[in-house]
PDB file of N, CA and C in Angstrom:
ATOM      1  N   MET A   1      -1.082   9.834  43.766  1.00  0.00           N
ATOM      2  CA  MET A   1       0.139   9.609  44.511  1.00  0.00           C
ATOM      3  C   MET A   1       1.288   9.433  43.517  1.00  0.00           C
ATOM      4  N   ALA A   2       2.377  10.065  43.792  1.00  0.00           N
ATOM      5  CA  ALA A   2       3.548   9.986  42.916  1.00  0.00           C
ATOM      6  C   ALA A   2       4.219   8.622  43.040  1.00  0.00           C
ATOM      7  N   PRO A   3       4.849   8.159  41.949  1.00  0.00           N
ATOM      8  CA  PRO A   3       5.562   6.883  42.018  1.00  0.00           C
ATOM      9  C   PRO A   3       6.750   6.963  42.971  1.00  0.00           C
ATOM     10  N   ARG A   4       7.115   5.810  43.529  1.00  0.00           N
ATOM     11  CA  ARG A   4       8.291   5.754  44.409  1.00  0.00           C
ATOM     12  C   ARG A   4       9.542   6.068  43.606  1.00  0.00           C
ATOM     13  N   LYS A   5      10.551   6.617  44.264  1.00  0.00           N
ATOM     14  CA  LYS A   5      11.833   6.814  43.605  1.00  0.00           C
ATOM     15  C   LYS A   5      12.556   5.479  43.559  1.00  0.00           C
ATOM     16  N   VAL A   6      13.100   5.158  42.410  1.00  0.00           N
ATOM     17  CA  VAL A   6      13.814   3.886  42.276  1.00  0.00           C
ATOM     18  C   VAL A   6      15.223   4.030  42.835  1.00  0.00           C
ATOM     19  N   ASN A   7      15.781   2.920  43.261  1.00  0.00           N
ATOM     20  CA  ASN A   7      17.133   2.930  43.823  1.00  0.00           C
ATOM     21  C   ASN A   7      18.197   3.148  42.765  1.00  0.00           C
ATOM     22  N   ASN A   8      17.956   2.637  41.560  1.00  0.00           N
ATOM     23  CA  ASN A   8      18.941   2.737  40.489  1.00  0.00           C
ATOM     24  C   ASN A   8      18.290   3.413  39.278  1.00  0.00           C
ATOM     25  N   PRO A   9      18.157   4.763  39.301  1.00  0.00           N
ATOM     26  CA  PRO A   9      17.471   5.456  38.207  1.00  0.00           C
ATOM     27  C   PRO A   9      18.273   5.414  36.914  1.00  0.00           C
ATOM     28  N   ARG A  10      17.559   5.583  35.810  1.00  0.00           N
ATOM     29  CA  ARG A  10      18.221   5.639  34.512  1.00  0.00           C
ATOM     30  C   ARG A  10      18.855   7.009  34.315  1.00  0.00           C
ATOM     31  N   LYS A  11      19.514   7.173  33.189  1.00  0.00           N
ATOM     32  CA  LYS A  11      20.344   8.350  32.971  1.00  0.00           C
ATOM     33  C   LYS A  11      19.577   9.670  33.079  1.00  0.00           C
ATOM     34  N   SER A  12      18.414   9.762  32.431  1.00  0.00           N
ATOM     35  CA  SER A  12      17.694  11.038  32.450  1.00  0.00           C
ATOM     36  C   SER A  12      17.151  11.342  33.844  1.00  0.00           C
ATOM     37  N   ALA A  13      16.707  10.326  34.571  1.00  0.00           N
ATOM     38  CA  ALA A  13      16.208  10.548  35.933  1.00  0.00           C
ATOM     39  C   ALA A  13      17.321  11.057  36.840  1.00  0.00           C
ATOM     40  N   LYS A  14      18.509  10.501  36.688  1.00  0.00           N
ATOM     41  CA  LYS A  14      19.657  10.974  37.463  1.00  0.00           C
ATOM     42  C   LYS A  14      19.929  12.442  37.152  1.00  0.00           C
ATOM     43  N   TYR A  15      19.896  12.780  35.858  1.00  0.00           N
ATOM     44  CA  TYR A  15      20.172  14.142  35.434  1.00  0.00           C
ATOM     45  C   TYR A  15      19.184  15.121  36.059  1.00  0.00           C
ATOM     46  N   TYR A  16      17.892  14.815  35.969  1.00  0.00           N
ATOM     47  CA  TYR A  16      16.877  15.739  36.486  1.00  0.00           C
ATOM     48  C   TYR A  16      16.899  15.816  38.011  1.00  0.00           C
ATOM     49  N   ARG A  17      17.315  14.761  38.681  1.00  0.00           N
ATOM     50  CA  ARG A  17      17.436  14.823  40.142  1.00  0.00           C
ATOM     51  C   ARG A  17      18.560  15.767  40.563  1.00  0.00           C
ATOM     52  N   GLU A  18      19.603  15.829  39.752  1.00  0.00           N
ATOM     53  CA  GLU A  18      20.783  16.617  40.104  1.00  0.00           C
ATOM     54  C   GLU A  18      20.733  18.055  39.592  1.00  0.00           C
ATOM     55  N   ASN A  19      19.838  18.368  38.649  1.00  0.00           N
ATOM     56  CA  ASN A  19      19.792  19.692  38.027  1.00  0.00           C
ATOM     57  C   ASN A  19      18.415  20.315  38.214  1.00  0.00           C
ATOM     58  N   LYS A  20      18.285  21.118  39.256  1.00  0.00           N
ATOM     59  CA  LYS A  20      16.993  21.693  39.616  1.00  0.00           C
ATOM     60  C   LYS A  20      16.417  22.580  38.510  1.00  0.00           C
ATOM     61  N   GLU A  21      17.253  23.412  37.882  1.00  0.00           N
ATOM     62  CA  GLU A  21      16.759  24.318  36.845  1.00  0.00           C
ATOM     63  C   GLU A  21      16.212  23.525  35.657  1.00  0.00           C
ATOM     64  N   ALA A  22      16.922  22.493  35.259  1.00  0.00           N
ATOM     65  CA  ALA A  22      16.474  21.654  34.141  1.00  0.00           C
ATOM     66  C   ALA A  22      15.174  20.942  34.512  1.00  0.00           C
ATOM     67  N   ARG A  23      15.072  20.488  35.756  1.00  0.00           N
ATOM     68  CA  ARG A  23      13.861  19.802  36.221  1.00  0.00           C
ATOM     69  C   ARG A  23      12.658  20.737  36.170  1.00  0.00           C
ATOM     70  N   GLU A  24      12.851  22.000  36.589  1.00  0.00           N
ATOM     71  CA  GLU A  24      11.763  22.984  36.558  1.00  0.00           C
ATOM     72  C   GLU A  24      11.337  23.275  35.117  1.00  0.00           C
ATOM     73  N   LYS A  25      12.321  23.405  34.221  1.00  0.00           N
ATOM     74  CA  LYS A  25      12.016  23.664  32.810  1.00  0.00           C
ATOM     75  C   LYS A  25      11.245  22.495  32.202  1.00  0.00           C
ATOM     76  N   LYS A  26      11.667  21.276  32.520  1.00  0.00           N
ATOM     77  CA  LYS A  26      10.990  20.081  32.023  1.00  0.00           C
ATOM     78  C   LYS A  26       9.563  20.018  32.555  1.00  0.00           C
ATOM     79  N   LYS A  27       9.388  20.374  33.818  1.00  0.00           N
ATOM     80  CA  LYS A  27       8.062  20.350  34.433  1.00  0.00           C
ATOM     81  C   LYS A  27       7.111  21.302  33.704  1.00  0.00           C
ATOM     82  N   LYS A  28       7.590  22.504  33.382  1.00  0.00           N
ATOM     83  CA  LYS A  28       6.763  23.471  32.651  1.00  0.00           C
ATOM     84  C   LYS A  28       6.393  22.947  31.274  1.00  0.00           C
ATOM     85  N   THR A  29       7.380  22.379  30.572  1.00  0.00           N
ATOM     86  CA  THR A  29       7.129  21.830  29.244  1.00  0.00           C
ATOM     87  C   THR A  29       6.134  20.682  29.311  1.00  0.00           C
ATOM     88  N   ASP A  30       6.323  19.773  30.261  1.00  0.00           N
ATOM     89  CA  ASP A  30       5.422  18.634  30.412  1.00  0.00           C
ATOM     90  C   ASP A  30       4.001  19.093  30.727  1.00  0.00           C
ATOM     91  N   ASN A  31       3.874  20.136  31.553  1.00  0.00           N
ATOM     92  CA  ASN A  31       2.544  20.656  31.880  1.00  0.00           C
ATOM     93  C   ASN A  31       1.844  21.179  30.637  1.00  0.00           C
ATOM     94  N   LYS A  32       2.580  21.878  29.762  1.00  0.00           N
ATOM     95  CA  LYS A  32       1.988  22.389  28.522  1.00  0.00           C
ATOM     96  C   LYS A  32       1.556  21.242  27.611  1.00  0.00           C
ATOM     97  N   VAL A  33       2.427  20.253  27.466  1.00  0.00           N
ATOM     98  CA  VAL A  33       2.123  19.113  26.590  1.00  0.00           C
ATOM     99  C   VAL A  33       0.910  18.348  27.109  1.00  0.00           C
ATOM    100  N   ASN A  34       0.876  18.089  28.410  1.00  0.00           N
ATOM    101  CA  ASN A  34      -0.206  17.291  28.978  1.00  0.00           C
ATOM    102  C   ASN A  34      -1.542  18.022  29.020  1.00  0.00           C
ATOM    103  N   ALA A  35      -1.529  19.347  28.831  1.00  0.00           N
ATOM    104  CA  ALA A  35      -2.767  20.122  28.824  1.00  0.00           C
ATOM    105  C   ALA A  35      -3.412  20.167  27.435  1.00  0.00           C
ATOM    106  N   ARG A  36      -2.698  19.712  26.409  1.00  0.00           N
ATOM    107  CA  ARG A  36      -3.244  19.725  25.051  1.00  0.00           C
ATOM    108  C   ARG A  36      -4.466  18.815  24.964  1.00  0.00           C
ATOM    109  N   PRO A  37      -5.509  19.253  24.238  1.00  0.00           N
ATOM    110  CA  PRO A  37      -6.697  18.402  24.070  1.00  0.00           C
ATOM    111  C   PRO A  37      -6.370  17.041  23.463  1.00  0.00           C
ATOM    112  N   SER A  38      -5.423  17.004  22.517  1.00  0.00           N
ATOM    113  CA  SER A  38      -5.069  15.724  21.890  1.00  0.00           C
ATOM    114  C   SER A  38      -4.429  14.776  22.904  1.00  0.00           C
ATOM    115  N   GLN A  39      -3.619  15.327  23.812  1.00  0.00           N
ATOM    116  CA  GLN A  39      -2.960  14.501  24.820  1.00  0.00           C
ATOM    117  C   GLN A  39      -3.973  14.004  25.853  1.00  0.00           C
ATOM    118  N   LYS A  40      -4.935  14.855  26.202  1.00  0.00           N
ATOM    119  CA  LYS A  40      -5.984  14.449  27.149  1.00  0.00           C
ATOM    120  C   LYS A  40      -6.808  13.315  26.554  1.00  0.00           C
ATOM    121  N   ALA A  41      -7.122  13.424  25.254  1.00  0.00           N
ATOM    122  CA  ALA A  41      -7.899  12.380  24.589  1.00  0.00           C
ATOM    123  C   ALA A  41      -7.121  11.066  24.561  1.00  0.00           C
ATOM    124  N   LYS A  42      -5.822  11.140  24.303  1.00  0.00           N
ATOM    125  CA  LYS A  42      -4.990   9.933  24.264  1.00  0.00           C
ATOM    126  C   LYS A  42      -4.965   9.259  25.635  1.00  0.00           C
ATOM    127  N   ARG A  43      -4.781  10.071  26.709  1.00  0.00           N
ATOM    128  CA  ARG A  43      -4.765   9.500  28.065  1.00  0.00           C
ATOM    129  C   ARG A  43      -6.108   8.869  28.411  1.00  0.00           C
ATOM    130  N   ALA A  44      -7.203   9.518  28.009  1.00  0.00           N
ATOM    131  CA  ALA A  44      -8.538   8.982  28.287  1.00  0.00           C
ATOM    132  C   ALA A  44      -8.739   7.646  27.570  1.00  0.00           C
ATOM    133  N   GLU A  45      -8.276   7.573  26.315  1.00  0.00           N
ATOM    134  CA  GLU A  45      -8.393   6.325  25.549  1.00  0.00           C
ATOM    135  C   GLU A  45      -7.618   5.195  26.230  1.00  0.00           C
ATOM    136  N   LEU A  46      -6.400   5.491  26.656  1.00  0.00           N
ATOM    137  CA  LEU A  46      -5.586   4.468  27.315  1.00  0.00           C
ATOM    138  C   LEU A  46      -6.194   4.060  28.656  1.00  0.00           C
ATOM    139  N   ALA A  47      -6.744   5.024  29.400  1.00  0.00           N
ATOM    140  CA  ALA A  47      -7.369   4.709  30.688  1.00  0.00           C
ATOM    141  C   ALA A  47      -8.588   3.814  30.489  1.00  0.00           C
ATOM    142  N   ARG A  48      -9.400   4.119  29.477  1.00  0.00           N
ATOM    143  CA  ARG A  48     -10.575   3.279  29.184  1.00  0.00           C
ATOM    144  C   ARG A  48     -10.162   1.846  28.907  1.00  0.00           C
ATOM    145  N   GLU A  49      -9.123   1.701  28.072  1.00  0.00           N
ATOM    146  CA  GLU A  49      -8.669   0.358  27.703  1.00  0.00           C
ATOM    147  C   GLU A  49      -8.068  -0.374  28.906  1.00  0.00           C
ATOM    148  N   ARG A  50      -7.318   0.345  29.760  1.00  0.00           N
ATOM    149  CA  ARG A  50      -6.744  -0.285  30.958  1.00  0.00           C
ATOM    150  C   ARG A  50      -7.855  -0.762  31.893  1.00  0.00           C
ATOM    151  N   ARG A  51      -8.928   0.039  32.029  1.00  0.00           N
ATOM    152  CA  ARG A  51     -10.067  -0.396  32.860  1.00  0.00           C
ATOM    153  C   ARG A  51     -10.709  -1.635  32.268  1.00  0.00           C
ATOM    154  N   LYS A  52     -10.915  -1.618  30.950  1.00  0.00           N
ATOM    155  CA  LYS A  52     -11.551  -2.739  30.255  1.00  0.00           C
ATOM    156  C   LYS A  52     -10.753  -4.033  30.437  1.00  0.00           C
ATOM    157  N   ARG A  53      -9.420  -3.921  30.413  1.00  0.00           N
ATOM    158  CA  ARG A  53      -8.559  -5.103  30.546  1.00  0.00           C
ATOM    159  C   ARG A  53      -8.271  -5.469  32.000  1.00  0.00           C
ATOM    160  N   GLY A  54      -8.784  -4.690  32.947  1.00  0.00           N
ATOM    161  CA  GLY A  54      -8.559  -4.977  34.364  1.00  0.00           C
ATOM    162  C   GLY A  54      -7.153  -4.646  34.831  1.00  0.00           C
ATOM    163  N   MET A  55      -6.472  -3.731  34.151  1.00  0.00           N
ATOM    164  CA  MET A  55      -5.096  -3.373  34.482  1.00  0.00           C
ATOM    165  C   MET A  55      -5.023  -2.086  35.296  1.00  0.00           C
ATOM    166  N   MET A  56      -6.093  -1.317  35.325  1.00  0.00           N
ATOM    167  CA  MET A  56      -6.059   0.024  35.908  1.00  0.00           C
ATOM    168  C   MET A  56      -5.732  -0.034  37.394  1.00  0.00           C
ATOM    169  N   GLY A  57      -4.767   0.778  37.805  1.00  0.00           N
ATOM    170  CA  GLY A  57      -4.423   0.896  39.214  1.00  0.00           C
ATOM    171  C   GLY A  57      -3.566  -0.226  39.757  1.00  0.00           C
ATOM    172  N   LYS A  58      -3.100  -1.114  38.899  1.00  0.00           N
ATOM    173  CA  LYS A  58      -2.336  -2.258  39.370  1.00  0.00           C
ATOM    174  C   LYS A  58      -0.852  -2.168  39.011  1.00  0.00           C
ATOM    175  N   GLY A  59      -0.440  -1.098  38.329  1.00  0.00           N
ATOM    176  CA  GLY A  59       0.949  -1.004  37.898  1.00  0.00           C
ATOM    177  C   GLY A  59       1.186  -1.918  36.723  1.00  0.00           C
ATOM    178  N   GLY A  60       2.411  -2.343  36.535  1.00  0.00           N
ATOM    179  CA  GLY A  60       2.717  -3.262  35.450  1.00  0.00           C
ATOM    180  C   GLY A  60       3.032  -2.556  34.150  1.00  0.00           C
ATOM    181  N   LYS A  61       2.758  -3.226  33.045  1.00  0.00           N
ATOM    182  CA  LYS A  61       3.130  -2.727  31.728  1.00  0.00           C
ATOM    183  C   LYS A  61       2.219  -1.598  31.269  1.00  0.00           C
ATOM    184  N   ASP A  62       2.730  -0.806  30.325  1.00  0.00           N
ATOM    185  CA  ASP A  62       1.950   0.246  29.674  1.00  0.00           C
ATOM    186  C   ASP A  62       1.179  -0.361  28.515  1.00  0.00           C
ATOM    187  N   LEU A  63       0.178   0.375  28.056  1.00  0.00           N
ATOM    188  CA  LEU A  63      -0.430   0.055  26.775  1.00  0.00           C
ATOM    189  C   LEU A  63       0.232   0.972  25.755  1.00  0.00           C
ATOM    190  N   SER A  64       0.633   0.391  24.646  1.00  0.00           N
ATOM    191  CA  SER A  64       1.362   1.125  23.629  1.00  0.00           C
ATOM    192  C   SER A  64       0.578   1.089  22.327  1.00  0.00           C
ATOM    193  N   HIS A  65       0.536   2.225  21.625  1.00  0.00           N
ATOM    194  CA  HIS A  65      -0.099   2.273  20.314  1.00  0.00           C
ATOM    195  C   HIS A  65       0.853   1.699  19.270  1.00  0.00           C
ATOM    196  N   THR A  66       0.369   0.763  18.469  1.00  0.00           N
ATOM    197  CA  THR A  66       1.175   0.234  17.371  1.00  0.00           C
ATOM    198  C   THR A  66       0.926   1.082  16.130  1.00  0.00           C
ATOM    199  N   LYS A  67       1.702   0.863  15.090  1.00  0.00           N
ATOM    200  CA  LYS A  67       1.538   1.646  13.855  1.00  0.00           C
ATOM    201  C   LYS A  67       0.187   1.398  13.206  1.00  0.00           C
ATOM    202  N   ASP A  68      -0.378   0.199  13.383  1.00  0.00           N
ATOM    203  CA  ASP A  68      -1.682  -0.084  12.768  1.00  0.00           C
ATOM    204  C   ASP A  68      -2.856   0.298  13.680  1.00  0.00           C
ATOM    205  N   GLY A  69      -2.567   0.947  14.826  1.00  0.00           N
ATOM    206  CA  GLY A  69      -3.634   1.473  15.675  1.00  0.00           C
ATOM    207  C   GLY A  69      -4.057   0.593  16.835  1.00  0.00           C
ATOM    208  N   ARG A  70      -3.512  -0.614  16.931  1.00  0.00           N
ATOM    209  CA  ARG A  70      -3.873  -1.486  18.043  1.00  0.00           C
ATOM    210  C   ARG A  70      -3.184  -1.028  19.317  1.00  0.00           C
ATOM    211  N   LEU A  71      -3.662  -1.528  20.451  1.00  0.00           N
ATOM    212  CA  LEU A  71      -3.026  -1.263  21.736  1.00  0.00           C
ATOM    213  C   LEU A  71      -2.476  -2.579  22.267  1.00  0.00           C
ATOM    214  N   VAL A  72      -1.186  -2.589  22.578  1.00  0.00           N
ATOM    215  CA  VAL A  72      -0.537  -3.789  23.083  1.00  0.00           C
ATOM    216  C   VAL A  72       0.201  -3.461  24.371  1.00  0.00           C
ATOM    217  N   LYS A  73       0.388  -4.475  25.225  1.00  0.00           N
ATOM    218  CA  LYS A  73       1.161  -4.283  26.449  1.00  0.00           C
ATOM    219  C   LYS A  73       2.635  -4.187  26.095  1.00  0.00           C
ATOM    220  N   GLU A  74       3.325  -3.248  26.781  1.00  0.00           N
ATOM    221  CA  GLU A  74       4.752  -3.061  26.529  1.00  0.00           C
ATOM    222  C   GLU A  74       5.392  -2.510  27.796  1.00  0.00           C
ATOM    223  N   ASN A  75       6.660  -2.848  28.014  1.00  0.00           N
ATOM    224  CA  ASN A  75       7.378  -2.293  29.157  1.00  0.00           C
ATOM    225  C   ASN A  75       7.376  -0.770  29.073  1.00  0.00           C
ATOM    226  N   ALA A  76       7.168  -0.126  30.208  1.00  0.00           N
ATOM    227  CA  ALA A  76       7.069   1.333  30.255  1.00  0.00           C
ATOM    228  C   ALA A  76       8.328   2.000  29.731  1.00  0.00           C
ATOM    229  N   SER A  77       9.500   1.488  30.078  1.00  0.00           N
ATOM    230  CA  SER A  77      10.742   2.139  29.670  1.00  0.00           C
ATOM    231  C   SER A  77      10.885   2.140  28.148  1.00  0.00           C
ATOM    232  N   ALA A  78      10.528   1.044  27.501  1.00  0.00           N
ATOM    233  CA  ALA A  78      10.639   0.966  26.043  1.00  0.00           C
ATOM    234  C   ALA A  78       9.607   1.878  25.378  1.00  0.00           C
ATOM    235  N   ASN A  79       8.378   1.845  25.869  1.00  0.00           N
ATOM    236  CA  ASN A  79       7.307   2.651  25.295  1.00  0.00           C
ATOM    237  C   ASN A  79       7.597   4.137  25.431  1.00  0.00           C
ATOM    238  N   ARG A  80       7.991   4.560  26.606  1.00  0.00           N
ATOM    239  CA  ARG A  80       8.201   5.989  26.850  1.00  0.00           C
ATOM    240  C   ARG A  80       9.475   6.493  26.193  1.00  0.00           C
ATOM    241  N   ALA A  81      10.485   5.656  26.080  1.00  0.00           N
ATOM    242  CA  ALA A  81      11.718   6.073  25.421  1.00  0.00           C
ATOM    243  C   ALA A  81      11.472   6.309  23.946  1.00  0.00           C
ATOM    244  N   ARG A  82      10.719   5.444  23.316  1.00  0.00           N
ATOM    245  CA  ARG A  82      10.446   5.563  21.881  1.00  0.00           C
ATOM    246  C   ARG A  82       9.561   6.761  21.596  1.00  0.00           C
ATOM    247  N   ASN A  83       8.618   7.057  22.485  1.00  0.00           N
ATOM    248  CA  ASN A  83       7.638   8.108  22.227  1.00  0.00           C
ATOM    249  C   ASN A  83       8.053   9.462  22.782  1.00  0.00           C
ATOM    250  N   ARG A  84       9.171   9.558  23.453  1.00  0.00           N
ATOM    251  CA  ARG A  84       9.561  10.799  24.133  1.00  0.00           C
ATOM    252  C   ARG A  84       9.697  11.993  23.194  1.00  0.00           C
ATOM    253  N   GLY A  85      10.261  11.812  22.012  1.00  0.00           N
ATOM    254  CA  GLY A  85      10.521  12.929  21.137  1.00  0.00           C
ATOM    255  C   GLY A  85       9.327  13.422  20.344  1.00  0.00           C
ATOM    256  N   LYS A  86       8.217  12.660  20.312  1.00  0.00           N
ATOM    257  CA  LYS A  86       7.055  13.037  19.509  1.00  0.00           C
ATOM    258  C   LYS A  86       6.321  14.201  20.138  1.00  0.00           C
ATOM    259  N   LYS A  87       5.754  15.060  19.293  1.00  0.00           N
ATOM    260  CA  LYS A  87       4.954  16.186  19.777  1.00  0.00           C
ATOM    261  C   LYS A  87       3.661  16.286  19.046  1.00  0.00           C
TER     262      LYS A  87
END
């Protein structure tokens, strides 16, 4: 199930809601990135850890990889903003 739309979206969400062509282009790019074996492995690792910590399916904070390899809880907006440009 897709997440609910927020009442007060941030700048990029506003942009993609208003620009259909850009949204379609982003969707194609995201599909390619998320299909990579390395990305699938990363998602599986995070899902395993969320299940282990009892966080899976409850919403809340993301698990974020630190530079030393640990996984820590972090607000989704901060985690995703910092990691957005990495490929």
